[in-house]
Amino acid sequence: MSVNYVSDNSGQTIAVQISIEDWKRIKNKYPDVDELDGPLPEWQKQLIDQRLAAIAQNPDRLHPIDELFSELDKED
């Protein structure tokens, strides 16, 4: 997939562009992709609440994503 990054005048990346062919492939694989900005279903809200409660009870379970990537790289 070819990706083009769009930057503002200060060089900050503000958007990503993909080709229409890539967009069509994404839409074929994920037909609901256009609706991702809609409201969360109640079951997803409940799941998020459960996970946040688990983190609050045991904050040591939460680790930076960089640690996960490092662990995954070691497994190769």
N, C-alpha and C. Protein backbone atom coordinates (compact mmCIF):
# COMPACT_ATOMS: atom_id res chain seq x y z
N MET A 1 0.85 -1.17 0.00
CA MET A 1 0.00 0.00 0.00
C MET A 1 0.89 1.23 0.00
N SER A 2 0.60 2.13 -0.87
CA SER A 2 1.33 3.38 -0.95
C SER A 2 0.63 4.42 -0.08
N VAL A 3 1.39 5.05 0.80
CA VAL A 3 0.84 6.02 1.73
C VAL A 3 1.53 7.36 1.52
N ASN A 4 0.75 8.43 1.47
CA ASN A 4 1.28 9.78 1.39
C ASN A 4 0.91 10.52 2.67
N TYR A 5 1.90 11.12 3.29
CA TYR A 5 1.67 11.89 4.52
C TYR A 5 1.52 13.36 4.16
N VAL A 6 0.55 14.00 4.78
CA VAL A 6 0.29 15.42 4.55
C VAL A 6 0.73 16.17 5.80
N SER A 7 1.54 17.21 5.59
CA SER A 7 2.06 18.00 6.71
C SER A 7 1.55 19.43 6.63
N ASP A 8 1.47 20.07 7.80
CA ASP A 8 1.11 21.48 7.83
C ASP A 8 2.37 22.32 7.63
N ASN A 9 2.24 23.64 7.73
CA ASN A 9 3.37 24.54 7.47
C ASN A 9 4.52 24.36 8.45
N SER A 10 4.24 23.80 9.64
CA SER A 10 5.31 23.60 10.62
C SER A 10 5.95 22.21 10.50
N GLY A 11 5.50 21.42 9.53
CA GLY A 11 6.07 20.09 9.33
C GLY A 11 5.38 18.99 10.12
N GLN A 12 4.33 19.35 10.85
CA GLN A 12 3.57 18.38 11.65
C GLN A 12 2.69 17.56 10.71
N THR A 13 2.75 16.23 10.80
CA THR A 13 1.89 15.38 9.99
C THR A 13 0.46 15.52 10.48
N ILE A 14 -0.45 15.83 9.55
CA ILE A 14 -1.84 16.07 9.92
C ILE A 14 -2.81 15.12 9.22
N ALA A 15 -2.35 14.38 8.22
CA ALA A 15 -3.25 13.49 7.49
C ALA A 15 -2.45 12.44 6.73
N VAL A 16 -3.17 11.43 6.30
CA VAL A 16 -2.58 10.36 5.49
C VAL A 16 -3.49 10.15 4.29
N GLN A 17 -2.91 9.98 3.14
CA GLN A 17 -3.67 9.71 1.93
C GLN A 17 -3.29 8.34 1.40
N ILE A 18 -4.30 7.61 0.91
CA ILE A 18 -4.05 6.34 0.23
C ILE A 18 -4.75 6.38 -1.11
N SER A 19 -4.37 5.49 -2.00
CA SER A 19 -5.00 5.46 -3.32
C SER A 19 -6.42 4.95 -3.21
N ILE A 20 -7.24 5.27 -4.18
CA ILE A 20 -8.63 4.80 -4.19
C ILE A 20 -8.67 3.28 -4.30
N GLU A 21 -7.70 2.68 -4.99
CA GLU A 21 -7.65 1.23 -5.10
C GLU A 21 -7.43 0.59 -3.72
N ASP A 22 -6.50 1.18 -2.95
CA ASP A 22 -6.26 0.68 -1.59
C ASP A 22 -7.50 0.87 -0.72
N TRP A 23 -8.16 2.01 -0.86
CA TRP A 23 -9.38 2.27 -0.09
C TRP A 23 -10.46 1.23 -0.41
N LYS A 24 -10.61 0.90 -1.69
CA LYS A 24 -11.60 -0.11 -2.09
C LYS A 24 -11.26 -1.47 -1.49
N ARG A 25 -9.97 -1.82 -1.45
CA ARG A 25 -9.57 -3.10 -0.83
C ARG A 25 -9.89 -3.09 0.66
N ILE A 26 -9.65 -1.98 1.32
CA ILE A 26 -9.96 -1.87 2.74
C ILE A 26 -11.47 -2.01 2.95
N LYS A 27 -12.25 -1.32 2.12
CA LYS A 27 -13.71 -1.39 2.25
C LYS A 27 -14.23 -2.79 1.98
N ASN A 28 -13.60 -3.51 1.07
CA ASN A 28 -14.02 -4.89 0.82
C ASN A 28 -13.75 -5.78 2.03
N LYS A 29 -12.63 -5.55 2.69
CA LYS A 29 -12.25 -6.37 3.84
C LYS A 29 -13.01 -5.93 5.10
N TYR A 30 -13.26 -4.64 5.25
CA TYR A 30 -13.94 -4.07 6.42
C TYR A 30 -15.10 -3.20 5.95
N PRO A 31 -16.22 -3.80 5.61
CA PRO A 31 -17.33 -3.03 5.00
C PRO A 31 -17.88 -1.92 5.88
N ASP A 32 -17.72 -2.00 7.19
CA ASP A 32 -18.27 -0.99 8.09
C ASP A 32 -17.27 0.11 8.41
N VAL A 33 -16.18 0.19 7.70
CA VAL A 33 -15.13 1.16 8.03
C VAL A 33 -15.64 2.60 8.02
N ASP A 34 -16.61 2.91 7.20
CA ASP A 34 -17.17 4.27 7.15
C ASP A 34 -17.93 4.63 8.42
N GLU A 35 -18.34 3.63 9.19
CA GLU A 35 -19.17 3.87 10.36
C GLU A 35 -18.38 3.84 11.66
N LEU A 36 -17.07 3.85 11.59
CA LEU A 36 -16.24 3.73 12.78
C LEU A 36 -16.35 4.94 13.70
N ASP A 37 -16.80 6.08 13.20
CA ASP A 37 -16.91 7.29 14.02
C ASP A 37 -18.23 7.37 14.76
N GLY A 38 -19.09 6.39 14.56
CA GLY A 38 -20.39 6.40 15.22
C GLY A 38 -20.28 6.09 16.70
N PRO A 39 -21.39 6.14 17.41
CA PRO A 39 -21.37 5.87 18.84
C PRO A 39 -21.01 4.41 19.13
N LEU A 40 -20.35 4.20 20.26
CA LEU A 40 -19.98 2.84 20.65
C LEU A 40 -21.22 2.08 21.10
N PRO A 41 -21.30 0.81 20.72
CA PRO A 41 -22.40 -0.02 21.24
C PRO A 41 -22.23 -0.21 22.75
N GLU A 42 -23.31 -0.49 23.43
CA GLU A 42 -23.28 -0.64 24.88
C GLU A 42 -22.32 -1.74 25.32
N TRP A 43 -22.23 -2.85 24.57
CA TRP A 43 -21.35 -3.95 24.97
C TRP A 43 -19.89 -3.50 24.96
N GLN A 44 -19.53 -2.61 24.01
CA GLN A 44 -18.15 -2.12 23.97
C GLN A 44 -17.88 -1.17 25.14
N LYS A 45 -18.85 -0.36 25.49
CA LYS A 45 -18.69 0.53 26.64
C LYS A 45 -18.49 -0.28 27.91
N GLN A 46 -19.27 -1.36 28.06
CA GLN A 46 -19.15 -2.21 29.25
C GLN A 46 -17.78 -2.88 29.31
N LEU A 47 -17.29 -3.33 28.16
CA LEU A 47 -15.98 -3.96 28.11
C LEU A 47 -14.88 -2.97 28.48
N ILE A 48 -14.98 -1.75 27.98
CA ILE A 48 -14.00 -0.71 28.32
C ILE A 48 -14.05 -0.43 29.82
N ASP A 49 -15.26 -0.32 30.37
CA ASP A 49 -15.39 -0.08 31.81
C ASP A 49 -14.76 -1.21 32.62
N GLN A 50 -14.96 -2.46 32.20
CA GLN A 50 -14.36 -3.60 32.90
C GLN A 50 -12.84 -3.53 32.86
N ARG A 51 -12.31 -3.21 31.71
CA ARG A 51 -10.85 -3.15 31.57
C ARG A 51 -10.26 -1.99 32.37
N LEU A 52 -10.94 -0.86 32.38
CA LEU A 52 -10.46 0.27 33.17
C LEU A 52 -10.51 -0.05 34.66
N ALA A 53 -11.54 -0.76 35.09
CA ALA A 53 -11.63 -1.16 36.50
C ALA A 53 -10.50 -2.12 36.86
N ALA A 54 -10.19 -3.06 35.95
CA ALA A 54 -9.09 -4.00 36.21
C ALA A 54 -7.76 -3.27 36.31
N ILE A 55 -7.56 -2.27 35.49
CA ILE A 55 -6.33 -1.48 35.54
C ILE A 55 -6.27 -0.68 36.85
N ALA A 56 -7.40 -0.13 37.26
CA ALA A 56 -7.44 0.65 38.50
C ALA A 56 -7.11 -0.23 39.70
N GLN A 57 -7.56 -1.49 39.67
CA GLN A 57 -7.28 -2.41 40.77
C GLN A 57 -5.83 -2.88 40.78
N ASN A 58 -5.22 -2.95 39.61
CA ASN A 58 -3.85 -3.43 39.52
C ASN A 58 -3.11 -2.65 38.43
N PRO A 59 -2.71 -1.40 38.72
CA PRO A 59 -2.07 -0.56 37.70
C PRO A 59 -0.74 -1.11 37.20
N ASP A 60 -0.14 -2.04 37.93
CA ASP A 60 1.13 -2.62 37.47
C ASP A 60 0.95 -3.49 36.23
N ARG A 61 -0.29 -3.85 35.91
CA ARG A 61 -0.56 -4.65 34.71
C ARG A 61 -0.39 -3.83 33.43
N LEU A 62 -0.46 -2.53 33.57
CA LEU A 62 -0.39 -1.64 32.41
C LEU A 62 1.07 -1.33 32.09
N HIS A 63 1.48 -1.59 30.85
CA HIS A 63 2.86 -1.36 30.42
C HIS A 63 2.86 -0.53 29.14
N PRO A 64 3.92 0.23 28.92
CA PRO A 64 4.02 1.01 27.68
C PRO A 64 4.04 0.09 26.45
N ILE A 65 3.47 0.55 25.38
CA ILE A 65 3.39 -0.23 24.14
C ILE A 65 4.78 -0.58 23.62
N ASP A 66 5.76 0.30 23.87
CA ASP A 66 7.13 0.02 23.42
C ASP A 66 7.67 -1.28 24.02
N GLU A 67 7.27 -1.57 25.26
CA GLU A 67 7.70 -2.82 25.89
C GLU A 67 7.12 -4.02 25.15
N LEU A 68 5.87 -3.92 24.76
CA LEU A 68 5.26 -5.01 24.00
C LEU A 68 5.99 -5.23 22.69
N PHE A 69 6.27 -4.16 21.97
CA PHE A 69 6.98 -4.29 20.70
C PHE A 69 8.36 -4.90 20.89
N SER A 70 9.04 -4.52 21.96
CA SER A 70 10.36 -5.08 22.24
C SER A 70 10.26 -6.58 22.50
N GLU A 71 9.25 -6.97 23.27
CA GLU A 71 9.06 -8.40 23.55
C GLU A 71 8.74 -9.17 22.28
N LEU A 72 7.90 -8.60 21.43
CA LEU A 72 7.56 -9.26 20.18
C LEU A 72 8.78 -9.40 19.27
N ASP A 73 9.63 -8.38 19.26
CA ASP A 73 10.84 -8.44 18.44
C ASP A 73 11.78 -9.53 18.92
N LYS A 74 11.84 -9.77 20.22
CA LYS A 74 12.71 -10.80 20.79
C LYS A 74 12.27 -12.19 20.39
N GLU A 75 10.98 -12.37 20.14
CA GLU A 75 10.44 -13.70 19.85
C GLU A 75 10.74 -14.16 18.42
N ASP A 76 11.23 -13.30 17.58
CA ASP A 76 11.51 -13.69 16.19
C ASP A 76 12.62 -14.69 16.08
